[in-house]
N, C-alpha and C. Protein backbone atom coordinates (compact mmCIF):
# COMPACT_ATOMS: atom_id res chain seq x y z
N MET A 1 0.72 -0.96 -0.03
CA MET A 1 -0.03 -0.18 -0.49
C MET A 1 1.01 1.24 0.19
N ASN A 2 0.27 2.27 -0.59
CA ASN A 2 1.08 3.40 -0.55
C ASN A 2 0.64 4.84 1.08
N ASP A 3 0.74 5.76 0.68
CA ASP A 3 0.76 6.28 1.93
C ASP A 3 -0.31 7.40 2.14
N LYS A 4 -1.63 6.89 1.08
CA LYS A 4 -2.58 7.92 1.16
C LYS A 4 -3.65 7.09 1.75
N ILE A 5 -4.42 8.15 2.92
CA ILE A 5 -5.66 8.25 3.47
C ILE A 5 -6.63 7.52 2.64
N ALA A 6 -7.30 6.08 2.87
CA ALA A 6 -8.21 5.61 2.41
C ALA A 6 -9.77 5.71 3.31
N GLY A 7 -9.96 6.11 4.44
CA GLY A 7 -10.31 5.93 5.55
C GLY A 7 -10.04 6.22 7.10
N PHE A 8 -10.66 5.62 7.98
CA PHE A 8 -10.55 5.80 9.07
C PHE A 8 -11.56 4.53 9.98
N ALA A 9 -10.82 4.45 11.26
CA ALA A 9 -11.32 3.47 12.33
C ALA A 9 -11.93 4.33 13.63
N LEU A 10 -12.63 4.64 14.39
CA LEU A 10 -12.84 4.84 15.37
C LEU A 10 -13.09 4.13 16.51
N THR A 11 -12.17 3.50 17.74
CA THR A 11 -12.31 2.84 18.28
C THR A 11 -12.34 3.07 19.80
N LYS A 12 -12.74 2.62 20.40
CA LYS A 12 -13.22 2.86 21.75
C LYS A 12 -13.31 1.71 22.82
N LYS A 13 -12.30 1.70 24.15
CA LYS A 13 -12.48 0.63 24.91
C LYS A 13 -13.33 1.25 26.11
N VAL A 14 -14.56 -0.01 26.21
CA VAL A 14 -15.57 0.63 27.07
C VAL A 14 -15.51 -0.48 28.32
N THR A 15 -15.72 -0.09 29.30
CA THR A 15 -15.74 -1.02 30.95
C THR A 15 -17.53 -0.70 31.24
N GLU A 16 -17.72 -1.59 31.43
CA GLU A 16 -19.32 -1.74 31.84
C GLU A 16 -19.43 -2.79 33.12
N TYR A 17 -19.73 -2.52 34.00
CA TYR A 17 -19.70 -3.17 34.98
C TYR A 17 -18.39 -4.09 35.37
N ASP A 18 -18.41 -5.23 35.28
CA ASP A 18 -17.15 -6.41 35.34
C ASP A 18 -16.72 -6.87 33.91
N ARG A 19 -16.92 -6.04 32.72
CA ARG A 19 -17.02 -6.34 31.36
C ARG A 19 -16.01 -5.47 30.92
N HIS A 20 -14.67 -5.64 30.09
CA HIS A 20 -14.24 -4.69 29.35
C HIS A 20 -14.22 -5.45 28.19
N TYR A 21 -14.18 -4.38 27.22
CA TYR A 21 -14.09 -5.11 25.65
C TYR A 21 -13.85 -3.67 24.77
N ASN A 22 -13.65 -3.83 23.85
CA ASN A 22 -13.03 -2.85 22.75
C ASN A 22 -14.92 -2.71 21.73
N LEU A 23 -14.80 -1.29 21.35
CA LEU A 23 -16.01 -1.05 20.54
C LEU A 23 -15.55 -0.04 18.93
N LEU A 24 -16.14 -0.50 17.83
CA LEU A 24 -15.52 0.14 17.02
C LEU A 24 -16.96 0.93 16.19
N ALA A 25 -16.74 2.10 16.61
CA ALA A 25 -17.64 2.77 16.55
C ALA A 25 -17.93 3.33 15.14
N HIS A 26 -16.54 3.50 14.03
CA HIS A 26 -16.87 4.21 13.45
C HIS A 26 -15.82 2.97 11.93
N PHE A 27 -16.20 2.91 11.17
CA PHE A 27 -15.20 2.28 10.08
C PHE A 27 -15.61 2.67 8.82
N PHE A 28 -14.80 3.41 8.31
CA PHE A 28 -15.16 4.04 6.73
C PHE A 28 -13.80 4.00 5.94
N ILE A 29 -14.17 3.69 4.46
CA ILE A 29 -13.45 3.67 3.66
C ILE A 29 -13.88 4.38 2.41
N MET A 30 -13.01 5.34 1.60
CA MET A 30 -13.72 6.08 0.61
C MET A 30 -14.09 5.14 -0.68
N ARG A 31 -15.22 5.51 -1.03
CA ARG A 31 -15.53 4.40 -2.34
C ARG A 31 -14.65 3.88 -3.33
N LYS A 32 -13.97 5.29 -3.61
CA LYS A 32 -12.74 4.42 -4.76
C LYS A 32 -11.92 3.64 -4.44
N TYR A 33 -11.90 3.15 -2.93
CA TYR A 33 -10.66 2.22 -2.49
C TYR A 33 -11.78 0.89 -1.81
N ARG A 34 -12.86 0.90 -2.23
CA ARG A 34 -13.71 0.03 -1.62
C ARG A 34 -13.69 -1.08 -2.40
N ARG A 35 -13.83 -2.15 -2.16
CA ARG A 35 -13.52 -3.73 -3.01
C ARG A 35 -12.21 -3.54 -3.80
N SER A 36 -10.70 -3.56 -3.09
CA SER A 36 -10.04 -3.71 -2.97
C SER A 36 -9.06 -4.48 -2.34
N GLY A 37 -9.51 -4.86 -0.98
CA GLY A 37 -8.84 -4.92 -0.19
C GLY A 37 -8.37 -4.18 1.14
N VAL A 38 -8.63 -3.21 0.87
CA VAL A 38 -8.03 -2.01 1.70
C VAL A 38 -8.97 -2.19 2.95
N GLY A 39 -10.17 -1.98 2.77
CA GLY A 39 -10.80 -2.36 3.93
C GLY A 39 -10.84 -3.41 4.84
N LYS A 40 -10.68 -4.50 4.39
CA LYS A 40 -10.06 -5.75 4.84
C LYS A 40 -9.23 -5.65 5.79
N GLN A 41 -8.40 -4.95 5.13
CA GLN A 41 -6.64 -4.98 5.84
C GLN A 41 -6.83 -4.33 6.76
N ALA A 42 -7.47 -3.03 6.61
CA ALA A 42 -7.92 -1.94 8.04
C ALA A 42 -8.19 -2.45 8.66
N ALA A 43 -9.40 -2.97 8.91
CA ALA A 43 -10.22 -3.95 9.66
C ALA A 43 -9.48 -5.16 10.53
N THR A 44 -8.94 -5.57 9.59
CA THR A 44 -8.05 -6.82 10.59
C THR A 44 -6.69 -5.97 11.41
N LEU A 45 -6.25 -5.14 11.06
CA LEU A 45 -4.67 -4.58 11.42
C LEU A 45 -5.53 -3.96 12.88
N VAL A 46 -6.35 -3.19 12.95
CA VAL A 46 -7.34 -2.50 14.01
C VAL A 46 -7.71 -3.68 14.74
N ILE A 47 -8.58 -4.30 14.30
CA ILE A 47 -8.72 -5.51 15.26
C ILE A 47 -7.76 -6.35 16.41
N GLN A 48 -6.45 -6.43 15.08
CA GLN A 48 -5.50 -7.53 15.68
C GLN A 48 -4.53 -6.45 17.16
N LYS A 49 -4.50 -5.21 16.18
CA LYS A 49 -4.10 -4.51 17.55
C LYS A 49 -4.03 -4.13 18.94
N HIS A 50 -5.72 -4.45 19.16
CA HIS A 50 -6.56 -4.19 20.18
C HIS A 50 -6.84 -5.94 20.43
N SER A 51 -6.22 -6.40 21.50
CA SER A 51 -6.67 -7.82 21.84
C SER A 51 -7.98 -7.54 22.79
N GLY A 52 -8.47 -8.73 22.94
CA GLY A 52 -9.96 -8.66 23.85
C GLY A 52 -11.03 -8.86 23.09
N GLU A 53 -12.64 -8.58 22.97
CA GLU A 53 -13.63 -8.80 22.98
C GLU A 53 -13.99 -7.62 21.94
N TRP A 54 -14.48 -7.36 21.15
CA TRP A 54 -15.30 -6.64 20.20
C TRP A 54 -16.75 -6.55 20.01
N GLU A 55 -17.11 -5.27 19.87
CA GLU A 55 -18.07 -5.50 19.38
C GLU A 55 -18.68 -4.29 17.70
N LEU A 56 -19.31 -4.62 17.46
CA LEU A 56 -19.40 -3.57 16.51
C LEU A 56 -21.05 -3.42 15.61
N TYR A 57 -21.38 -2.57 15.01
CA TYR A 57 -22.79 -2.90 14.30
C TYR A 57 -23.03 -2.38 13.39
N GLN A 58 -23.70 -2.48 12.34
CA GLN A 58 -23.99 -2.04 11.29
C GLN A 58 -25.55 -1.56 11.24
N LEU A 59 -25.96 -0.68 10.52
CA LEU A 59 -27.36 -0.25 10.26
C LEU A 59 -28.10 -1.15 9.69
N GLU A 60 -29.25 -1.02 9.69
CA GLU A 60 -30.45 -2.75 9.35
C GLU A 60 -30.27 -2.33 7.75
N ARG A 61 -30.17 -0.89 7.38
CA ARG A 61 -30.26 -1.06 6.03
C ARG A 61 -28.95 -1.35 4.75
N ASN A 62 -28.26 -0.89 5.90
CA ASN A 62 -26.24 -1.12 5.07
C ASN A 62 -26.01 -2.53 4.84
N VAL A 63 -26.88 -3.40 3.89
CA VAL A 63 -26.48 -4.39 3.52
C VAL A 63 -25.10 -4.60 2.84
N PRO A 64 -24.39 -3.79 2.46
CA PRO A 64 -23.10 -3.84 1.85
C PRO A 64 -21.84 -4.58 3.32
N ALA A 65 -22.64 -3.31 4.40
CA ALA A 65 -21.53 -3.57 5.47
C ALA A 65 -21.90 -4.68 6.46
N GLN A 66 -23.54 -5.09 6.56
CA GLN A 66 -23.03 -6.40 6.80
C GLN A 66 -22.97 -7.85 6.20
N GLN A 67 -22.05 -7.83 5.05
CA GLN A 67 -21.49 -8.33 3.98
C GLN A 67 -19.96 -8.58 4.46
N PHE A 68 -19.60 -7.09 4.29
CA PHE A 68 -18.30 -7.03 4.48
C PHE A 68 -17.64 -7.58 6.17
N TRP A 69 -18.47 -7.35 6.86
CA TRP A 69 -18.03 -7.73 8.38
C TRP A 69 -18.36 -9.62 8.46
N THR A 70 -19.50 -9.82 7.85
CA THR A 70 -19.82 -11.26 8.01
C THR A 70 -18.05 -11.93 7.28
N HIS A 71 -17.60 -10.87 6.36
CA HIS A 71 -16.95 -11.78 5.90
C HIS A 71 -15.75 -11.77 6.38
N VAL A 72 -15.48 -10.31 6.82
CA VAL A 72 -13.68 -10.32 7.28
C VAL A 72 -13.86 -11.11 8.95
N ILE A 73 -14.64 -10.79 9.46
CA ILE A 73 -14.90 -11.87 10.64
C ILE A 73 -15.19 -12.99 10.59
N GLY A 74 -15.36 -13.50 9.94
CA GLY A 74 -15.00 -14.85 9.75
C GLY A 74 -13.84 -15.52 8.72
N GLU A 75 -13.32 -14.65 9.03
CA GLU A 75 -11.85 -15.15 8.23
C GLU A 75 -10.97 -14.66 9.38
N LEU A 76 -11.14 -14.27 10.49
CA LEU A 76 -10.32 -13.96 11.47
C LEU A 76 -10.84 -14.80 12.69
């Protein structure tokens, strides 16, 4: 990859009662970089960088995001 910005990921460490987990609050890849493997590579790096449990959500109407995350999580 080159040094161009293709998107961003915002994460947060959450503690609720006795539970600690990472929250993927926002994940965005610019349209011109989608379906090129950049999103999968970025998501994998973010998740592997922060150990522990993860939570993430997609909008119900965002079917491409649901398919993307099903694929990425399935490979992790």
